[in-house]
């Protein structure tokens, strides 16, 4: 057995501490491993046509907005198909291009019905509960200057946030509460302007994250808290970021669609790790779109172009 003296151990620890502080020193980052994938293009149970949104409830059930098939599919935590509902149309429980999904603490599912410019709310079994929204530019309307609504998120109090070129806040029954944002290039002297905001997530403290060409963070009272990221391929840079998700620790996950990867950041934009590359193999993406994180830290990605949902776990 190799023995290391106390003096040598102290020297080794000292050198390691110095090395970690040196620029460019390769620190082993937290990684994610591929677990499974399911789907494939089609219209049968468990098949998808352009899956866009994904959400996970507290029991680990996974909901997928199967956009091309105009339906929602539900799977258990072992990826077994449970149920589906929806068809193309404008009636309750019908959809035109269902997009973002969110689940509240009671297990109710909110579906952003993009083509119908509305939010629909269902119980965990798919029973229709209520709906709100219509095409327009006024408060409570969805489709600001004909921009399709893209994402929906729910906070711990059950308030619902919707992106449609701006951010709007509703109570759990669709009563309008607040809005912020308009078109324009954001900088520190302009208030809550967006070029093309897409993704949306809310953390356990009620802070709201939205992605444009970069990530913006707001308090629950809409106060601007910060921004980070630029266009590019480097760490913490993005190209067409889309889906956003926050884990129980407040870390942020970004579906960096144009770079075909997922990036993980802390709540202040510090880069942790990334994974993925263009392709059709396991752990590769062809347009990662929606993203969700469960209470165990597993990450689910709606892989639009590959017509799959992929699951990853922390190593």
Protein backbone atom coordinates (compact mmCIF):
# COMPACT_ATOMS: atom_id res chain seq x y z
CA UNK A 1 0.00 0.00 0.00
CA UNK A 2 1.32 3.44 -0.95
CA UNK A 3 1.94 5.62 2.09
CA UNK A 4 1.87 9.41 1.91
CA UNK A 5 3.48 11.35 4.70
CA UNK A 6 1.65 14.21 6.38
CA UNK A 7 4.18 16.69 5.02
CA UNK A 8 3.75 15.46 1.44
CA UNK A 9 -0.02 15.50 1.84
CA UNK A 10 0.10 19.14 2.95
CA UNK A 11 2.30 20.04 -0.03
CA UNK A 12 -0.06 18.22 -2.42
CA UNK A 13 -3.10 20.00 -0.99
CA UNK A 14 -1.34 23.35 -1.24
CA UNK A 15 -0.38 22.79 -4.88
CA UNK A 16 -3.89 21.65 -5.76
CA UNK A 17 -5.40 24.76 -4.18
CA UNK A 18 -3.08 26.97 -6.23
CA UNK A 19 -3.81 25.06 -9.43
CA UNK A 20 -7.57 25.40 -9.01
CA UNK A 21 -7.17 29.15 -8.82
CA UNK A 22 -5.11 29.34 -12.01
CA UNK A 23 -7.00 30.46 -15.15
CA UNK A 24 -7.84 27.58 -17.41
CA UNK A 25 -7.25 24.85 -14.85
CA UNK A 26 -9.54 21.96 -15.87
CA UNK A 27 -11.98 21.47 -12.98
CA UNK A 28 -14.18 18.38 -13.22
CA UNK A 29 -17.69 19.75 -13.67
CA UNK A 30 -20.89 18.05 -12.70
CA UNK A 31 -22.09 16.02 -15.63
CA UNK A 32 -25.27 14.33 -16.81
CA UNK A 33 -25.71 10.86 -18.23
CA UNK A 34 -28.23 9.64 -20.74
CA UNK A 35 -30.88 7.43 -19.11
CA UNK A 36 -33.48 6.66 -21.76
CA UNK A 37 -35.52 8.01 -24.61
CA UNK A 38 -38.97 7.26 -25.93
CA UNK A 39 -41.14 8.24 -28.86
CA UNK A 40 -40.25 8.30 -32.52
CA UNK A 41 -42.33 9.87 -35.26
CA UNK A 42 -45.90 8.67 -35.52
CA UNK A 43 -49.42 9.08 -34.19
CA UNK A 44 -49.79 5.92 -32.13
CA UNK A 45 -49.67 5.81 -28.34
CA UNK A 46 -46.23 6.86 -27.18
CA UNK A 47 -45.25 8.24 -30.58
CA UNK A 48 -44.77 11.94 -31.33
CA UNK A 49 -44.92 14.41 -34.16
CA UNK A 50 -42.81 17.44 -33.19
CA UNK A 51 -42.98 17.29 -29.38
CA UNK A 52 -42.65 20.82 -28.03
CA UNK A 53 -43.42 20.99 -24.32
CA UNK A 54 -42.64 18.66 -21.44
CA UNK A 55 -43.61 18.84 -17.76
CA UNK A 56 -43.21 16.56 -14.72
CA UNK A 57 -45.53 16.37 -11.72
CA UNK A 58 -44.54 15.60 -8.12
CA UNK A 59 -45.17 11.88 -8.65
CA UNK A 60 -42.79 11.76 -11.61
CA UNK A 61 -45.45 11.50 -14.28
CA UNK A 62 -44.36 13.10 -17.55
CA UNK A 63 -46.64 15.14 -19.82
CA UNK A 64 -45.71 15.90 -23.43
CA UNK A 65 -47.34 18.36 -25.82
CA UNK A 66 -47.41 16.35 -29.04
CA UNK A 67 -47.77 19.43 -31.21
CA UNK A 68 -48.03 17.87 -34.66
CA UNK A 69 -50.69 15.45 -33.43
CA UNK A 70 -52.55 18.19 -31.52
CA UNK A 71 -52.73 16.20 -28.30
CA UNK A 72 -51.24 15.73 -24.84
CA UNK A 73 -49.70 12.42 -23.79
CA UNK A 74 -49.06 11.30 -20.20
CA UNK A 75 -46.49 8.72 -19.05
CA UNK A 76 -45.62 7.35 -15.63
CA UNK A 77 -42.19 7.64 -14.01
CA UNK A 78 -41.12 4.42 -15.80
CA UNK A 79 -42.13 5.97 -19.15
CA UNK A 80 -45.16 3.70 -19.51
CA UNK A 81 -47.92 5.30 -21.59
CA UNK A 82 -50.90 6.20 -19.40
CA UNK A 83 -53.34 8.32 -21.37
CA UNK A 84 -53.79 10.94 -24.06
CA UNK A 85 -56.31 13.58 -24.96
CA UNK A 86 -56.92 16.17 -27.64
CA UNK A 87 -57.50 16.58 -31.36
CA UNK A 88 -57.32 19.46 -33.78
CA UNK A 89 -60.01 22.06 -33.17
CA UNK A 90 -61.22 24.99 -31.11
CA UNK A 91 -63.52 23.29 -28.59
CA UNK A 92 -62.61 22.60 -24.99
CA UNK A 93 -59.95 19.90 -24.91
CA UNK A 94 -59.00 20.44 -28.53
CA UNK A 95 -55.82 22.15 -29.69
CA UNK A 96 -54.05 23.89 -32.51
CA UNK A 97 -50.33 23.40 -31.99
CA UNK A 98 -50.14 22.87 -28.20
CA UNK A 99 -46.86 24.33 -26.96
CA UNK A 100 -45.59 24.98 -23.43
CA UNK A 101 -46.79 22.95 -20.42
CA UNK A 102 -46.75 23.54 -16.67
CA UNK A 103 -48.00 21.55 -13.66
CA UNK A 104 -49.15 23.13 -10.38
CA UNK A 105 -48.80 21.67 -6.89
CA UNK A 106 -52.22 20.03 -7.14
CA UNK A 107 -51.20 18.21 -10.31
CA UNK A 108 -53.33 20.31 -12.65
CA UNK A 109 -51.85 20.76 -16.10
CA UNK A 110 -51.77 24.08 -17.96
CA UNK A 111 -51.45 23.81 -21.73
CA UNK A 112 -50.52 26.77 -23.89
CA UNK A 113 -52.76 26.22 -26.90
CA UNK A 114 -50.69 28.40 -29.23
CA UNK A 115 -52.80 28.28 -32.39
CA UNK A 116 -55.95 29.13 -30.44
CA UNK A 117 -54.22 31.87 -28.42
CA UNK A 118 -55.39 30.53 -25.08
CA UNK A 119 -54.44 28.57 -21.98
CA UNK A 120 -56.36 25.40 -21.16
CA UNK A 121 -56.35 23.82 -17.70
CA UNK A 122 -56.88 20.10 -17.05
CA UNK A 123 -56.88 17.81 -14.05
CA UNK A 124 -54.22 15.06 -13.86
CA UNK A 125 -56.42 12.66 -15.82
CA UNK A 126 -57.01 15.06 -18.69
CA UNK A 127 -60.45 16.32 -17.65
CA UNK A 128 -61.03 19.84 -18.94
CA UNK A 129 -61.37 22.41 -16.14
CA UNK A 130 -61.26 25.91 -17.62
CA UNK A 131 -59.71 28.13 -20.27
CA UNK A 132 -58.85 31.76 -20.91
CA UNK A 133 -57.30 33.98 -23.54
CA UNK A 134 -58.00 35.17 -27.06
CA UNK A 135 -56.04 36.70 -29.88
CA UNK A 136 -55.31 40.38 -29.27
CA UNK A 137 -53.05 43.05 -27.79
CA UNK A 138 -54.96 44.05 -24.67
CA UNK A 139 -54.23 42.95 -21.12
CA UNK A 140 -55.18 39.31 -20.76
CA UNK A 141 -55.18 38.70 -24.51
CA UNK A 142 -52.60 36.32 -25.97
CA UNK A 143 -50.82 36.89 -29.26
CA UNK A 144 -49.33 40.34 -28.77
CA UNK A 145 -49.03 41.86 -32.27
CA UNK A 146 -49.67 38.39 -33.71
CA UNK A 147 -46.74 36.80 -31.84
CA UNK A 148 -47.67 33.22 -31.00
CA UNK A 149 -47.72 32.49 -27.27
CA UNK A 150 -44.82 30.14 -26.56
CA UNK A 151 -44.35 29.23 -22.92
CA UNK A 152 -46.25 28.89 -19.67
CA UNK A 153 -45.04 28.53 -16.06
CA UNK A 154 -46.65 28.25 -12.63
CA UNK A 155 -45.31 29.54 -9.31
CA UNK A 156 -45.75 28.03 -5.86
CA UNK A 157 -48.91 30.05 -5.22
CA UNK A 158 -50.51 28.77 -8.41
CA UNK A 159 -50.11 31.99 -10.40
CA UNK A 160 -49.68 31.38 -14.12
CA UNK A 161 -47.19 33.20 -16.36
CA UNK A 162 -47.46 33.26 -20.16
CA UNK A 163 -45.05 34.48 -22.83
CA UNK A 164 -46.54 36.07 -25.96
CA UNK A 165 -43.96 38.68 -26.92
CA UNK A 166 -44.26 39.97 -23.34
CA UNK A 167 -44.87 38.29 -19.98
CA UNK A 168 -48.34 38.19 -18.46
CA UNK A 169 -49.34 36.97 -14.99
CA UNK A 170 -52.71 35.40 -14.14
CA UNK A 171 -54.22 33.82 -11.08
CA UNK A 172 -54.99 30.04 -11.21
CA UNK A 173 -58.37 30.74 -12.82
CA UNK A 174 -57.16 33.10 -15.53
CA UNK A 175 -57.79 36.46 -13.85
CA UNK A 176 -55.30 38.95 -15.25
CA UNK A 177 -52.84 40.27 -12.65
CA UNK A 178 -49.89 41.98 -14.38
CA UNK A 179 -47.83 42.27 -17.54
CA UNK A 180 -44.44 43.58 -18.52
CA UNK A 181 -42.30 43.73 -21.62
CA UNK A 182 -42.60 44.99 -25.17
CA UNK A 183 -40.59 44.71 -28.35
CA UNK A 184 -37.15 46.30 -28.46
CA UNK A 185 -33.50 45.63 -27.73
CA UNK A 186 -32.98 45.31 -23.99
CA UNK A 187 -30.38 47.28 -22.12
CA UNK A 188 -30.09 48.61 -18.61
CA UNK A 189 -31.84 51.88 -19.52
CA UNK A 190 -34.91 50.28 -21.05
CA UNK A 191 -37.52 48.52 -18.98
CA UNK A 192 -38.32 44.90 -19.71
CA UNK A 193 -37.96 44.98 -23.48
CA UNK A 194 -37.71 41.78 -25.50
CA UNK A 195 -36.73 40.95 -29.05
CA UNK A 196 -38.38 37.51 -29.18
CA UNK A 197 -38.83 36.07 -25.72
CA UNK A 198 -39.51 32.31 -25.80
CA UNK A 199 -38.80 30.30 -22.67
CA UNK A 200 -40.09 30.91 -19.15
CA UNK A 201 -39.45 29.42 -15.71
CA UNK A 202 -40.20 30.33 -12.09
CA UNK A 203 -38.05 29.29 -9.12
CA UNK A 204 -39.10 28.45 -5.57
CA UNK A 205 -38.70 32.08 -4.47
CA UNK A 206 -41.00 33.35 -7.19
CA UNK A 207 -38.24 34.77 -9.37
CA UNK A 208 -39.00 34.63 -13.08
CA UNK A 209 -36.53 33.74 -15.83
CA UNK A 210 -37.15 34.49 -19.50
CA UNK A 211 -34.92 33.84 -22.48
CA UNK A 212 -34.53 36.14 -25.42
CA UNK A 213 -31.14 36.24 -27.11
CA UNK A 214 -29.98 36.15 -23.49
CA UNK A 215 -31.47 35.28 -20.09
CA UNK A 216 -33.32 37.91 -18.05
CA UNK A 217 -34.33 37.53 -14.40
CA UNK A 218 -37.21 39.31 -12.64
CA UNK A 219 -38.63 39.34 -9.14
CA UNK A 220 -42.24 38.34 -8.53
CA UNK A 221 -43.20 42.04 -8.58
CA UNK A 222 -41.65 42.28 -12.11
CA UNK A 223 -38.56 44.17 -10.85
CA UNK A 224 -35.59 43.54 -13.15
CA UNK A 225 -32.85 41.60 -11.33
CA UNK A 226 -30.24 40.94 -13.99
CA UNK A 227 -29.30 39.48 -17.35
CA UNK A 228 -26.56 37.27 -18.72
CA UNK A 229 -25.42 35.48 -21.84
CA UNK A 230 -24.52 36.48 -25.37
CA UNK A 231 -24.93 34.85 -28.76
CA UNK A 232 -22.28 32.24 -29.40
CA UNK A 233 -21.10 28.68 -28.83
CA UNK A 234 -19.02 29.13 -25.69
CA UNK A 235 -19.91 28.32 -22.10
CA UNK A 236 -22.84 30.45 -21.01
CA UNK A 237 -23.45 31.64 -24.57
CA UNK A 238 -26.60 30.74 -26.49
CA UNK A 239 -27.94 30.41 -29.99
CA UNK A 240 -31.75 30.43 -30.13
CA UNK A 241 -32.31 29.47 -26.49
CA UNK A 242 -35.81 28.12 -26.02
CA UNK A 243 -37.03 26.01 -23.11
CA UNK A 244 -36.15 26.91 -19.52
CA UNK A 245 -36.48 24.94 -16.28
CA UNK A 246 -35.45 25.47 -12.66
CA UNK A 247 -34.61 22.72 -10.16
CA UNK A 248 -35.37 22.67 -6.43
CA UNK A 249 -31.98 24.26 -5.66
CA UNK A 250 -32.68 27.20 -7.99
CA UNK A 251 -30.33 26.13 -10.78
CA UNK A 252 -31.40 27.01 -14.32
CA UNK A 253 -31.46 24.67 -17.32
CA UNK A 254 -31.53 26.10 -20.84
CA UNK A 255 -32.50 24.25 -24.01
CA UNK A 256 -29.88 25.92 -26.20
CA UNK A 257 -31.66 24.93 -29.38
CA UNK A 258 -29.37 26.45 -31.99
CA UNK A 259 -26.34 24.78 -30.39
CA UNK A 260 -28.18 21.47 -29.89
CA UNK A 261 -27.23 21.21 -26.23
CA UNK A 262 -28.46 21.76 -22.70
CA UNK A 263 -26.70 24.21 -20.40
CA UNK A 264 -26.93 24.35 -16.61
CA UNK A 265 -26.34 27.63 -14.77
CA UNK A 266 -26.83 28.84 -11.24
CA UNK A 267 -29.44 31.47 -10.36
CA UNK A 268 -26.94 34.26 -11.12
CA UNK A 269 -25.86 32.94 -14.51
CA UNK A 270 -22.67 31.14 -13.46
CA UNK A 271 -22.01 28.27 -15.86
CA UNK A 272 -21.93 24.75 -14.40
CA UNK A 273 -21.99 22.28 -17.25
CA UNK A 274 -23.47 21.43 -20.65
CA UNK A 275 -24.16 18.33 -22.67
CA UNK A 276 -25.41 17.35 -26.11
CA UNK A 277 -24.39 17.73 -29.74
CA UNK A 278 -26.15 17.70 -33.11
CA UNK A 279 -27.28 14.27 -34.21
CA UNK A 280 -29.77 11.46 -33.84
CA UNK A 281 -27.91 9.23 -31.38
CA UNK A 282 -28.52 8.90 -27.66
CA UNK A 283 -27.80 12.15 -25.90
CA UNK A 284 -27.72 14.04 -29.18
CA UNK A 285 -30.35 16.55 -30.29
CA UNK A 286 -32.03 17.88 -33.38
CA UNK A 287 -33.66 20.95 -31.90
CA UNK A 288 -34.03 20.60 -28.11
CA UNK A 289 -37.15 22.59 -27.36
CA UNK A 290 -39.00 21.99 -24.10
CA UNK A 291 -37.25 21.04 -20.86
CA UNK A 292 -38.31 19.98 -17.37
CA UNK A 293 -36.59 18.87 -14.14
CA UNK A 294 -38.06 16.56 -11.52
CA UNK A 295 -37.44 16.59 -7.75
CA UNK A 296 -34.59 14.10 -8.10
CA UNK A 297 -32.73 16.35 -10.53
CA UNK A 298 -33.50 14.28 -13.62
CA UNK A 299 -33.79 16.37 -16.78
CA UNK A 300 -36.35 15.71 -19.54
CA UNK A 301 -35.90 17.23 -22.99
CA UNK A 302 -38.46 17.41 -25.80
CA UNK A 303 -36.25 16.76 -28.83
CA UNK A 304 -38.34 18.40 -31.55
CA UNK A 305 -36.58 17.24 -34.72
CA UNK A 306 -35.91 13.71 -33.50
CA UNK A 307 -39.54 13.35 -32.30
CA UNK A 308 -38.33 12.04 -28.94
CA UNK A 309 -38.27 12.79 -25.25
CA UNK A 310 -34.86 12.14 -23.68
CA UNK A 311 -34.12 11.73 -19.98
CA UNK A 312 -30.82 12.51 -18.27
CA UNK A 313 -29.65 12.05 -14.69
CA UNK A 314 -26.82 13.65 -12.70
CA UNK A 315 -23.69 11.47 -12.70
